[in-house]
Amino acid sequence: MFKFAFTDLNQFIYMEGHGIYVWSVFSIVIISLVLAFIFYNKQLKKIKRKHSNE
């Protein structure tokens, strides 16, 4: 039914030599999203504390 592009995990990770670029960009995006979430979550908590003290 489905034809997979990779037959094993090593081919999936290596991606015919392009894996280092794919996985590095994937890692940068995930790290950026996590850091943005943490930063904005702290900012929202700070704003909520400021408004609750008023």
C-alpha atoms as a PDB file:
ATOM      1  CA  MET A   1       0.000   0.000   0.000  1.00  0.00           C
ATOM      2  CA  PHE A   2       2.732   2.465   0.987  1.00  0.00           C
ATOM      3  CA  LYS A   3       6.203   2.606  -0.475  1.00  0.00           C
ATOM      4  CA  PHE A   4       8.646   4.061   2.013  1.00  0.00           C
ATOM      5  CA  ALA A   5      11.653   6.018   0.787  1.00  0.00           C
ATOM      6  CA  PHE A   6      13.951   4.467   3.389  1.00  0.00           C
ATOM      7  CA  THR A   7      14.453   0.786   4.152  1.00  0.00           C
ATOM      8  CA  ASP A   8      16.136   1.203   7.538  1.00  0.00           C
ATOM      9  CA  LEU A   9      16.856   3.759  10.236  1.00  0.00           C
ATOM     10  CA  ASN A  10      20.404   4.479   9.050  1.00  0.00           C
ATOM     11  CA  GLN A  11      19.141   5.529   5.619  1.00  0.00           C
ATOM     12  CA  PHE A  12      16.520   7.703   7.282  1.00  0.00           C
ATOM     13  CA  ILE A  13      19.138   9.481   9.416  1.00  0.00           C
ATOM     14  CA  TYR A  14      21.766   9.778   6.652  1.00  0.00           C
ATOM     15  CA  MET A  15      19.303  10.747   3.857  1.00  0.00           C
ATOM     16  CA  GLU A  16      21.804  10.156   1.054  1.00  0.00           C
ATOM     17  CA  GLY A  17      24.258  12.710   2.492  1.00  0.00           C
ATOM     18  CA  HIS A  18      21.679  15.404   3.212  1.00  0.00           C
ATOM     19  CA  GLY A  19      20.888  14.240   6.737  1.00  0.00           C
ATOM     20  CA  ILE A  20      23.319  16.608   8.464  1.00  0.00           C
ATOM     21  CA  TYR A  21      21.572  19.604   6.907  1.00  0.00           C
ATOM     22  CA  VAL A  22      18.061  18.300   7.476  1.00  0.00           C
ATOM     23  CA  TRP A  23      18.633  17.331  11.096  1.00  0.00           C
ATOM     24  CA  SER A  24      20.564  20.495  11.951  1.00  0.00           C
ATOM     25  CA  VAL A  25      17.771  22.703  10.585  1.00  0.00           C
ATOM     26  CA  PHE A  26      15.162  20.543  12.305  1.00  0.00           C
ATOM     27  CA  SER A  27      17.054  20.902  15.600  1.00  0.00           C
ATOM     28  CA  ILE A  28      17.403  24.672  15.216  1.00  0.00           C
ATOM     29  CA  VAL A  29      13.669  25.049  14.559  1.00  0.00           C
ATOM     30  CA  ILE A  30      12.681  22.882  17.532  1.00  0.00           C
ATOM     31  CA  ILE A  31      15.097  24.677  19.871  1.00  0.00           C
ATOM     32  CA  SER A  32      13.859  28.064  18.643  1.00  0.00           C
ATOM     33  CA  LEU A  33      10.229  27.113  19.212  1.00  0.00           C
ATOM     34  CA  VAL A  34      10.941  25.812  22.718  1.00  0.00           C
ATOM     35  CA  LEU A  35      12.920  28.929  23.654  1.00  0.00           C
ATOM     36  CA  ALA A  36      10.218  31.207  22.244  1.00  0.00           C
ATOM     37  CA  PHE A  37       7.570  29.338  24.238  1.00  0.00           C
ATOM     38  CA  ILE A  38       9.604  29.619  27.441  1.00  0.00           C
ATOM     39  CA  PHE A  39      10.355  33.314  26.868  1.00  0.00           C
ATOM     40  CA  TYR A  40       6.753  34.294  26.108  1.00  0.00           C
ATOM     41  CA  ASN A  41       5.418  32.131  28.917  1.00  0.00           C
ATOM     42  CA  LYS A  42       7.665  34.022  31.369  1.00  0.00           C
ATOM     43  CA  GLN A  43       6.544  37.330  29.883  1.00  0.00           C
ATOM     44  CA  LEU A  44       2.872  36.399  30.254  1.00  0.00           C
ATOM     45  CA  LYS A  45       3.388  35.378  33.882  1.00  0.00           C
ATOM     46  CA  LYS A  46       5.171  38.676  34.544  1.00  0.00           C
ATOM     47  CA  ILE A  47       2.291  40.651  32.991  1.00  0.00           C
ATOM     48  CA  LYS A  48      -0.302  38.644  34.957  1.00  0.00           C
ATOM     49  CA  ARG A  49       1.566  39.287  38.222  1.00  0.00           C
ATOM     50  CA  LYS A  50       1.760  42.998  37.410  1.00  0.00           C
ATOM     51  CA  HIS A  51      -1.986  43.231  36.703  1.00  0.00           C
ATOM     52  CA  SER A  52      -2.986  41.129  39.701  1.00  0.00           C
ATOM     53  CA  ASN A  53      -1.029  43.424  42.068  1.00  0.00           C
ATOM     54  CA  GLU A  54      -2.802  46.546  40.837  1.00  0.00           C
END
